[in-house]
PDB file of N, CA and C in Angstrom:
ATOM      1  N   UNK A   1     -43.532  36.863  67.422  1.00  0.00           N
ATOM      2  CA  UNK A   1     -43.760  37.440  68.400  1.00  0.00           C
ATOM      3  C   UNK A   1     -42.864  38.687  68.404  1.00  0.00           C
ATOM      4  N   UNK A   2     -42.967  39.767  69.372  1.00  0.00           N
ATOM      5  CA  UNK A   2     -42.328  40.898  69.428  1.00  0.00           C
ATOM      6  C   UNK A   2     -41.194  40.782  70.038  1.00  0.00           C
ATOM      7  N   UNK A   3     -40.110  41.598  70.017  1.00  0.00           N
ATOM      8  CA  UNK A   3     -39.434  41.052  70.823  1.00  0.00           C
ATOM      9  C   UNK A   3     -39.610  41.883  72.132  1.00  0.00           C
ATOM     10  N   UNK A   4     -39.040  41.299  73.276  1.00  0.00           N
ATOM     11  CA  UNK A   4     -39.122  42.347  74.713  1.00  0.00           C
ATOM     12  C   UNK A   4     -38.034  42.314  74.985  1.00  0.00           C
ATOM     13  N   UNK A   5     -38.230  43.902  75.759  1.00  0.00           N
ATOM     14  CA  UNK A   5     -37.041  44.504  75.967  1.00  0.00           C
ATOM     15  C   UNK A   5     -36.977  44.780  77.802  1.00  0.00           C
ATOM     16  N   UNK A   6     -35.685  45.047  77.979  1.00  0.00           N
ATOM     17  CA  UNK A   6     -35.530  45.127  79.379  1.00  0.00           C
ATOM     18  C   UNK A   6     -34.361  45.996  79.492  1.00  0.00           C
ATOM     19  N   UNK A   7     -34.947  47.259  79.907  1.00  0.00           N
ATOM     20  CA  UNK A   7     -34.240  48.491  80.565  1.00  0.00           C
ATOM     21  C   UNK A   7     -34.099  48.347  81.759  1.00  0.00           C
ATOM     22  N   UNK A   8     -32.217  48.701  82.103  1.00  0.00           N
ATOM     23  CA  UNK A   8     -31.820  48.837  83.553  1.00  0.00           C
ATOM     24  C   UNK A   8     -31.188  49.785  83.280  1.00  0.00           C
ATOM     25  N   UNK A   9     -31.674  51.128  84.326  1.00  0.00           N
ATOM     26  CA  UNK A   9     -30.288  51.895  84.362  1.00  0.00           C
ATOM     27  C   UNK A   9     -29.918  52.324  85.250  1.00  0.00           C
ATOM     28  N   UNK A  10     -28.472  52.214  86.238  1.00  0.00           N
ATOM     29  CA  UNK A  10     -27.823  52.098  87.289  1.00  0.00           C
ATOM     30  C   UNK A  10     -27.331  53.243  86.947  1.00  0.00           C
ATOM     31  N   UNK A  11     -28.471  54.589  87.875  1.00  0.00           N
ATOM     32  CA  UNK A  11     -28.031  55.435  88.279  1.00  0.00           C
ATOM     33  C   UNK A  11     -26.816  56.360  89.215  1.00  0.00           C
ATOM     34  N   UNK A  12     -26.172  56.999  88.905  1.00  0.00           N
ATOM     35  CA  UNK A  12     -24.829  57.191  88.873  1.00  0.00           C
ATOM     36  C   UNK A  12     -23.739  56.158  88.899  1.00  0.00           C
ATOM     37  N   UNK A  13     -23.735  55.412  88.200  1.00  0.00           N
ATOM     38  CA  UNK A  13     -22.422  53.707  88.186  1.00  0.00           C
ATOM     39  C   UNK A  13     -22.074  54.367  86.819  1.00  0.00           C
ATOM     40  N   UNK A  14     -20.582  53.669  86.813  1.00  0.00           N
ATOM     41  CA  UNK A  14     -19.861  53.736  85.679  1.00  0.00           C
ATOM     42  C   UNK A  14     -19.540  52.492  85.244  1.00  0.00           C
ATOM     43  N   UNK A  15     -20.182  52.089  84.008  1.00  0.00           N
ATOM     44  CA  UNK A  15     -19.665  50.406  83.665  1.00  0.00           C
ATOM     45  C   UNK A  15     -18.156  50.266  83.788  1.00  0.00           C
ATOM     46  N   UNK A  16     -17.235  50.788  83.665  1.00  0.00           N
ATOM     47  CA  UNK A  16     -15.617  50.953  83.645  1.00  0.00           C
ATOM     48  C   UNK A  16     -15.630  50.271  85.209  1.00  0.00           C
ATOM     49  N   UNK A  17     -16.734  51.063  86.446  1.00  0.00           N
ATOM     50  CA  UNK A  17     -16.144  50.542  87.492  1.00  0.00           C
ATOM     51  C   UNK A  17     -16.397  48.720  87.718  1.00  0.00           C
ATOM     52  N   UNK A  18     -17.482  48.089  86.503  1.00  0.00           N
ATOM     53  CA  UNK A  18     -17.500  46.724  86.694  1.00  0.00           C
ATOM     54  C   UNK A  18     -16.648  45.903  86.609  1.00  0.00           C
ATOM     55  N   UNK A  19     -15.825  46.358  86.090  1.00  0.00           N
ATOM     56  CA  UNK A  19     -14.060  45.320  85.756  1.00  0.00           C
ATOM     57  C   UNK A  19     -13.113  45.845  86.670  1.00  0.00           C
ATOM     58  N   UNK A  20     -12.785  47.289  87.354  1.00  0.00           N
ATOM     59  CA  UNK A  20     -12.532  47.730  88.571  1.00  0.00           C
ATOM     60  C   UNK A  20     -12.800  47.052  89.623  1.00  0.00           C
ATOM     61  N   UNK A  21     -14.186  46.598  89.843  1.00  0.00           N
ATOM     62  CA  UNK A  21     -14.496  46.309  91.054  1.00  0.00           C
ATOM     63  C   UNK A  21     -14.474  44.879  91.289  1.00  0.00           C
ATOM     64  N   UNK A  22     -14.307  44.196  90.129  1.00  0.00           N
ATOM     65  CA  UNK A  22     -14.528  42.767  90.165  1.00  0.00           C
ATOM     66  C   UNK A  22     -15.990  42.286  89.732  1.00  0.00           C
ATOM     67  N   UNK A  23     -16.577  43.328  88.946  1.00  0.00           N
ATOM     68  CA  UNK A  23     -18.026  42.773  89.057  1.00  0.00           C
ATOM     69  C   UNK A  23     -18.298  42.037  87.548  1.00  0.00           C
ATOM     70  N   UNK A  24     -17.748  40.279  87.481  1.00  0.00           N
ATOM     71  CA  UNK A  24     -17.601  39.963  85.951  1.00  0.00           C
ATOM     72  C   UNK A  24     -18.963  39.864  85.373  1.00  0.00           C
ATOM     73  N   UNK A  25     -19.640  39.089  85.704  1.00  0.00           N
ATOM     74  CA  UNK A  25     -21.784  38.967  85.733  1.00  0.00           C
ATOM     75  C   UNK A  25     -21.677  40.377  85.230  1.00  0.00           C
ATOM     76  N   UNK A  26     -22.105  42.072  85.354  1.00  0.00           N
ATOM     77  CA  UNK A  26     -22.756  42.747  85.308  1.00  0.00           C
ATOM     78  C   UNK A  26     -21.937  43.357  83.917  1.00  0.00           C
ATOM     79  N   UNK A  27     -20.643  43.178  83.922  1.00  0.00           N
ATOM     80  CA  UNK A  27     -19.530  43.481  83.036  1.00  0.00           C
ATOM     81  C   UNK A  27     -19.947  42.538  81.969  1.00  0.00           C
ATOM     82  N   UNK A  28     -20.291  41.431  81.399  1.00  0.00           N
ATOM     83  CA  UNK A  28     -20.680  40.172  80.341  1.00  0.00           C
ATOM     84  C   UNK A  28     -22.080  40.361  80.398  1.00  0.00           C
ATOM     85  N   UNK A  29     -23.098  41.072  81.032  1.00  0.00           N
ATOM     86  CA  UNK A  29     -24.206  41.695  80.938  1.00  0.00           C
ATOM     87  C   UNK A  29     -24.312  42.721  79.643  1.00  0.00           C
ATOM     88  N   UNK A  30     -23.306  43.812  79.660  1.00  0.00           N
ATOM     89  CA  UNK A  30     -22.506  45.056  79.338  1.00  0.00           C
ATOM     90  C   UNK A  30     -22.370  44.353  78.114  1.00  0.00           C
ATOM     91  N   UNK A  31     -21.710  43.893  78.252  1.00  0.00           N
ATOM     92  CA  UNK A  31     -20.855  43.022  77.072  1.00  0.00           C
ATOM     93  C   UNK A  31     -21.656  42.648  75.308  1.00  0.00           C
ATOM     94  N   UNK A  32     -22.659  41.708  76.344  1.00  0.00           N
ATOM     95  CA  UNK A  32     -23.500  41.022  75.494  1.00  0.00           C
ATOM     96  C   UNK A  32     -25.743  41.941  74.773  1.00  0.00           C
ATOM     97  N   UNK A  33     -25.159  43.110  75.285  1.00  0.00           N
ATOM     98  CA  UNK A  33     -26.088  43.687  75.444  1.00  0.00           C
ATOM     99  C   UNK A  33     -26.038  45.141  74.726  1.00  0.00           C
ATOM    100  N   UNK A  34     -26.516  46.161  74.250  1.00  0.00           N
ATOM    101  CA  UNK A  34     -27.265  47.365  74.047  1.00  0.00           C
ATOM    102  C   UNK A  34     -26.838  48.499  74.560  1.00  0.00           C
ATOM    103  N   UNK A  35     -25.751  48.887  75.090  1.00  0.00           N
ATOM    104  CA  UNK A  35     -25.710  50.177  76.255  1.00  0.00           C
ATOM    105  C   UNK A  35     -25.466  51.468  75.443  1.00  0.00           C
ATOM    106  N   UNK A  36     -25.952  52.158  76.412  1.00  0.00           N
ATOM    107  CA  UNK A  36     -26.161  53.674  76.325  1.00  0.00           C
ATOM    108  C   UNK A  36     -25.790  54.321  77.384  1.00  0.00           C
ATOM    109  N   UNK A  37     -24.882  55.603  77.145  1.00  0.00           N
ATOM    110  CA  UNK A  37     -24.543  56.312  78.103  1.00  0.00           C
ATOM    111  C   UNK A  37     -25.269  57.792  77.874  1.00  0.00           C
ATOM    112  N   UNK A  38     -26.615  57.579  79.242  1.00  0.00           N
ATOM    113  CA  UNK A  38     -27.133  59.264  79.457  1.00  0.00           C
ATOM    114  C   UNK A  38     -26.403  59.776  79.943  1.00  0.00           C
ATOM    115  N   UNK A  39     -26.515  61.263  79.428  1.00  0.00           N
ATOM    116  CA  UNK A  39     -26.222  62.717  79.922  1.00  0.00           C
ATOM    117  C   UNK A  39     -27.711  63.473  79.869  1.00  0.00           C
ATOM    118  N   UNK A  40     -28.096  63.641  80.989  1.00  0.00           N
ATOM    119  CA  UNK A  40     -28.892  64.479  80.580  1.00  0.00           C
ATOM    120  C   UNK A  40     -28.982  66.037  82.022  1.00  0.00           C
ATOM    121  N   UNK A  41     -27.773  66.085  81.980  1.00  0.00           N
ATOM    122  CA  UNK A  41     -27.121  67.782  82.593  1.00  0.00           C
ATOM    123  C   UNK A  41     -27.747  67.310  83.992  1.00  0.00           C
ATOM    124  N   UNK A  42     -28.191  68.583  84.520  1.00  0.00           N
ATOM    125  CA  UNK A  42     -28.940  69.038  85.844  1.00  0.00           C
ATOM    126  C   UNK A  42     -29.672  68.167  86.312  1.00  0.00           C
ATOM    127  N   UNK A  43     -30.810  67.517  84.926  1.00  0.00           N
ATOM    128  CA  UNK A  43     -31.637  67.079  85.639  1.00  0.00           C
ATOM    129  C   UNK A  43     -31.345  65.509  86.245  1.00  0.00           C
ATOM    130  N   UNK A  44     -30.215  65.083  85.448  1.00  0.00           N
ATOM    131  CA  UNK A  44     -29.568  63.995  87.585  1.00  0.00           C
ATOM    132  C   UNK A  44     -30.228  64.351  88.376  1.00  0.00           C
ATOM    133  N   UNK A  45     -29.827  65.089  89.233  1.00  0.00           N
ATOM    134  CA  UNK A  45     -29.921  65.677  90.740  1.00  0.00           C
ATOM    135  C   UNK A  45     -31.467  65.770  91.190  1.00  0.00           C
ATOM    136  N   UNK A  46     -32.417  65.254  89.844  1.00  0.00           N
ATOM    137  CA  UNK A  46     -33.950  65.379  90.419  1.00  0.00           C
ATOM    138  C   UNK A  46     -34.190  63.716  90.802  1.00  0.00           C
ATOM    139  N   UNK A  47     -33.064  62.687  90.293  1.00  0.00           N
ATOM    140  CA  UNK A  47     -33.353  60.910  90.871  1.00  0.00           C
ATOM    141  C   UNK A  47     -34.384  60.787  89.938  1.00  0.00           C
ATOM    142  N   UNK A  48     -34.281  61.095  89.000  1.00  0.00           N
ATOM    143  CA  UNK A  48     -35.750  60.483  88.182  1.00  0.00           C
ATOM    144  C   UNK A  48     -35.101  60.781  86.897  1.00  0.00           C
ATOM    145  N   UNK A  49     -34.040  59.890  86.407  1.00  0.00           N
ATOM    146  CA  UNK A  49     -33.675  60.250  85.480  1.00  0.00           C
ATOM    147  C   UNK A  49     -33.963  58.819  84.565  1.00  0.00           C
ATOM    148  N   UNK A  50     -33.941  57.737  85.198  1.00  0.00           N
ATOM    149  CA  UNK A  50     -34.862  56.723  84.548  1.00  0.00           C
ATOM    150  C   UNK A  50     -36.360  57.253  84.312  1.00  0.00           C
ATOM    151  N   UNK A  51     -37.197  58.019  84.538  1.00  0.00           N
ATOM    152  CA  UNK A  51     -38.349  58.149  84.380  1.00  0.00           C
ATOM    153  C   UNK A  51     -38.319  59.184  83.394  1.00  0.00           C
ATOM    154  N   UNK A  52     -37.218  59.820  83.425  1.00  0.00           N
ATOM    155  CA  UNK A  52     -37.228  60.880  81.685  1.00  0.00           C
ATOM    156  C   UNK A  52     -36.363  59.682  80.947  1.00  0.00           C
ATOM    157  N   UNK A  53     -36.155  59.065  80.864  1.00  0.00           N
ATOM    158  CA  UNK A  53     -35.652  57.722  79.848  1.00  0.00           C
ATOM    159  C   UNK A  53     -36.894  57.284  78.866  1.00  0.00           C
ATOM    160  N   UNK A  54     -37.465  56.834  80.033  1.00  0.00           N
ATOM    161  CA  UNK A  54     -38.623  56.214  79.795  1.00  0.00           C
ATOM    162  C   UNK A  54     -39.709  56.881  78.817  1.00  0.00           C
ATOM    163  N   UNK A  55     -40.417  57.711  80.054  1.00  0.00           N
ATOM    164  CA  UNK A  55     -41.305  58.961  79.234  1.00  0.00           C
ATOM    165  C   UNK A  55     -40.743  60.041  78.051  1.00  0.00           C
ATOM    166  N   UNK A  56     -39.951  59.791  78.058  1.00  0.00           N
ATOM    167  CA  UNK A  56     -39.131  61.026  76.780  1.00  0.00           C
ATOM    168  C   UNK A  56     -39.685  62.413  78.029  1.00  0.00           C
ATOM    169  N   UNK A  57     -39.942  62.743  78.573  1.00  0.00           N
ATOM    170  CA  UNK A  57     -39.931  63.662  79.713  1.00  0.00           C
ATOM    171  C   UNK A  57     -38.647  64.769  80.498  1.00  0.00           C
ATOM    172  N   UNK A  58     -38.356  65.590  79.553  1.00  0.00           N
ATOM    173  CA  UNK A  58     -37.695  66.197  81.059  1.00  0.00           C
ATOM    174  C   UNK A  58     -38.806  66.804  82.120  1.00  0.00           C
ATOM    175  N   UNK A  59     -37.927  67.448  83.486  1.00  0.00           N
ATOM    176  CA  UNK A  59     -38.260  67.862  83.941  1.00  0.00           C
ATOM    177  C   UNK A  59     -39.426  69.084  84.514  1.00  0.00           C
ATOM    178  N   UNK A  60     -39.128  69.978  83.687  1.00  0.00           N
ATOM    179  CA  UNK A  60     -39.884  70.632  83.189  1.00  0.00           C
ATOM    180  C   UNK A  60     -41.522  70.127  82.020  1.00  0.00           C
ATOM    181  N   UNK A  61     -41.364  69.709  81.206  1.00  0.00           N
ATOM    182  CA  UNK A  61     -42.493  68.577  80.501  1.00  0.00           C
ATOM    183  C   UNK A  61     -43.238  67.680  81.697  1.00  0.00           C
ATOM    184  N   UNK A  62     -42.286  67.042  82.767  1.00  0.00           N
ATOM    185  CA  UNK A  62     -43.194  65.426  83.403  1.00  0.00           C
ATOM    186  C   UNK A  62     -43.845  66.794  84.661  1.00  0.00           C
ATOM    187  N   UNK A  63     -43.122  68.264  84.813  1.00  0.00           N
ATOM    188  CA  UNK A  63     -43.856  68.627  85.691  1.00  0.00           C
ATOM    189  C   UNK A  63     -43.403  68.379  87.021  1.00  0.00           C
ATOM    190  N   UNK A  64     -42.470  67.992  86.960  1.00  0.00           N
ATOM    191  CA  UNK A  64     -42.160  67.455  88.674  1.00  0.00           C
ATOM    192  C   UNK A  64     -40.591  67.867  88.498  1.00  0.00           C
ATOM    193  N   UNK A  65     -39.682  67.817  89.935  1.00  0.00           N
ATOM    194  CA  UNK A  65     -38.260  67.668  89.540  1.00  0.00           C
ATOM    195  C   UNK A  65     -37.746  66.755  91.067  1.00  0.00           C
ATOM    196  N   UNK A  66     -38.721  66.588  91.354  1.00  0.00           N
ATOM    197  CA  UNK A  66     -38.591  65.558  92.676  1.00  0.00           C
ATOM    198  C   UNK A  66     -39.717  64.147  92.587  1.00  0.00           C
ATOM    199  N   UNK A  67     -39.341  63.150  92.989  1.00  0.00           N
ATOM    200  CA  UNK A  67     -40.283  62.040  93.608  1.00  0.00           C
ATOM    201  C   UNK A  67     -40.473  62.136  94.712  1.00  0.00           C
ATOM    202  N   UNK A  68     -40.731  62.771  95.419  1.00  0.00           N
ATOM    203  CA  UNK A  68     -41.411  63.519  96.580  1.00  0.00           C
ATOM    204  C   UNK A  68     -41.963  65.024  96.832  1.00  0.00           C
ATOM    205  N   UNK A  69     -43.636  64.540  97.007  1.00  0.00           N
ATOM    206  CA  UNK A  69     -44.064  65.719  96.592  1.00  0.00           C
ATOM    207  C   UNK A  69     -44.685  66.300  98.503  1.00  0.00           C
ATOM    208  N   UNK A  70     -44.023  67.561  98.468  1.00  0.00           N
ATOM    209  CA  UNK A  70     -44.649  68.478  99.628  1.00  0.00           C
ATOM    210  C   UNK A  70     -46.194  68.567  99.374  1.00  0.00           C
ATOM    211  N   UNK A  71     -46.890  68.469 100.393  1.00  0.00           N
ATOM    212  CA  UNK A  71     -48.862  68.402 100.509  1.00  0.00           C
ATOM    213  C   UNK A  71     -48.291  70.367 101.782  1.00  0.00           C
ATOM    214  N   UNK A  72     -48.712  70.896 101.084  1.00  0.00           N
ATOM    215  CA  UNK A  72     -48.140  71.966 101.996  1.00  0.00           C
ATOM    216  C   UNK A  72     -49.590  71.973 103.266  1.00  0.00           C
ATOM    217  N   UNK A  73     -50.989  71.927 102.651  1.00  0.00           N
ATOM    218  CA  UNK A  73     -52.719  71.209 103.011  1.00  0.00           C
ATOM    219  C   UNK A  73     -51.859  71.010 104.187  1.00  0.00           C
ATOM    220  N   UNK A  74     -51.577  69.509 104.396  1.00  0.00           N
ATOM    221  CA  UNK A  74     -51.453  68.517 105.452  1.00  0.00           C
ATOM    222  C   UNK A  74     -49.617  68.863 106.231  1.00  0.00           C
ATOM    223  N   UNK A  75     -49.422  69.092 105.503  1.00  0.00           N
ATOM    224  CA  UNK A  75     -47.338  69.255 106.049  1.00  0.00           C
ATOM    225  C   UNK A  75     -46.524  68.122 106.044  1.00  0.00           C
ATOM    226  N   UNK A  76     -47.234  67.064 104.633  1.00  0.00           N
ATOM    227  CA  UNK A  76     -46.203  65.899 104.983  1.00  0.00           C
ATOM    228  C   UNK A  76     -45.667  65.621 103.500  1.00  0.00           C
ATOM    229  N   UNK A  77     -44.566  64.699 103.568  1.00  0.00           N
ATOM    230  CA  UNK A  77     -44.306  64.639 102.249  1.00  0.00           C
ATOM    231  C   UNK A  77     -44.776  63.016 101.882  1.00  0.00           C
ATOM    232  N   UNK A  78     -44.939  63.215 100.669  1.00  0.00           N
ATOM    233  CA  UNK A  78     -45.305  61.943  99.848  1.00  0.00           C
ATOM    234  C   UNK A  78     -43.508  61.210  98.999  1.00  0.00           C
ATOM    235  N   UNK A  79     -43.645  60.430  99.167  1.00  0.00           N
ATOM    236  CA  UNK A  79     -42.837  59.495  97.550  1.00  0.00           C
ATOM    237  C   UNK A  79     -43.549  59.131  96.651  1.00  0.00           C
ATOM    238  N   UNK A  80     -43.909  59.915  95.302  1.00  0.00           N
ATOM    239  CA  UNK A  80     -44.338  59.329  93.950  1.00  0.00           C
ATOM    240  C   UNK A  80     -44.188  58.486  93.318  1.00  0.00           C
ATOM    241  N   UNK A  81     -44.866  57.572  93.181  1.00  0.00           N
ATOM    242  CA  UNK A  81     -44.205  56.386  91.436  1.00  0.00           C
ATOM    243  C   UNK A  81     -44.290  57.157  89.973  1.00  0.00           C
ATOM    244  N   UNK A  82     -43.820  57.148  89.772  1.00  0.00           N
ATOM    245  CA  UNK A  82     -43.801  57.696  88.052  1.00  0.00           C
ATOM    246  C   UNK A  82     -45.181  58.494  87.285  1.00  0.00           C
ATOM    247  N   UNK A  83     -45.468  59.607  87.291  1.00  0.00           N
ATOM    248  CA  UNK A  83     -46.149  59.890  86.941  1.00  0.00           C
ATOM    249  C   UNK A  83     -47.091  59.601  85.787  1.00  0.00           C
ATOM    250  N   UNK A  84     -46.346  59.293  84.664  1.00  0.00           N
ATOM    251  CA  UNK A  84     -46.575  59.324  83.287  1.00  0.00           C
ATOM    252  C   UNK A  84     -46.145  57.879  82.577  1.00  0.00           C
ATOM    253  N   UNK A  85     -47.304  57.459  81.179  1.00  0.00           N
ATOM    254  CA  UNK A  85     -46.331  56.094  81.043  1.00  0.00           C
ATOM    255  C   UNK A  85     -45.501  56.701  80.276  1.00  0.00           C
ATOM    256  N   UNK A  86     -45.098  54.801  79.342  1.00  0.00           N
ATOM    257  CA  UNK A  86     -43.843  54.929  79.249  1.00  0.00           C
ATOM    258  C   UNK A  86     -44.329  55.467  77.509  1.00  0.00           C
TER     259      UNK A  86
END
């Protein structure tokens, strides 16, 4: 059987706060998991860090820098889900 992987990213959260804020369950989960700190430079401002990580595409390669798209024809804003497969 192929091992399953669950990826959880806490955007803007620092794991050291799990201890400081008394979040023992989150600290325990991190303690028995593979943990990586992601530094994606200014791309974190897009709010799409999880999408960047799962697709391997930065904002330029993905063709978007926001989850919100402005339709100039209808003058409406639409929030879109991920546009690219992992």
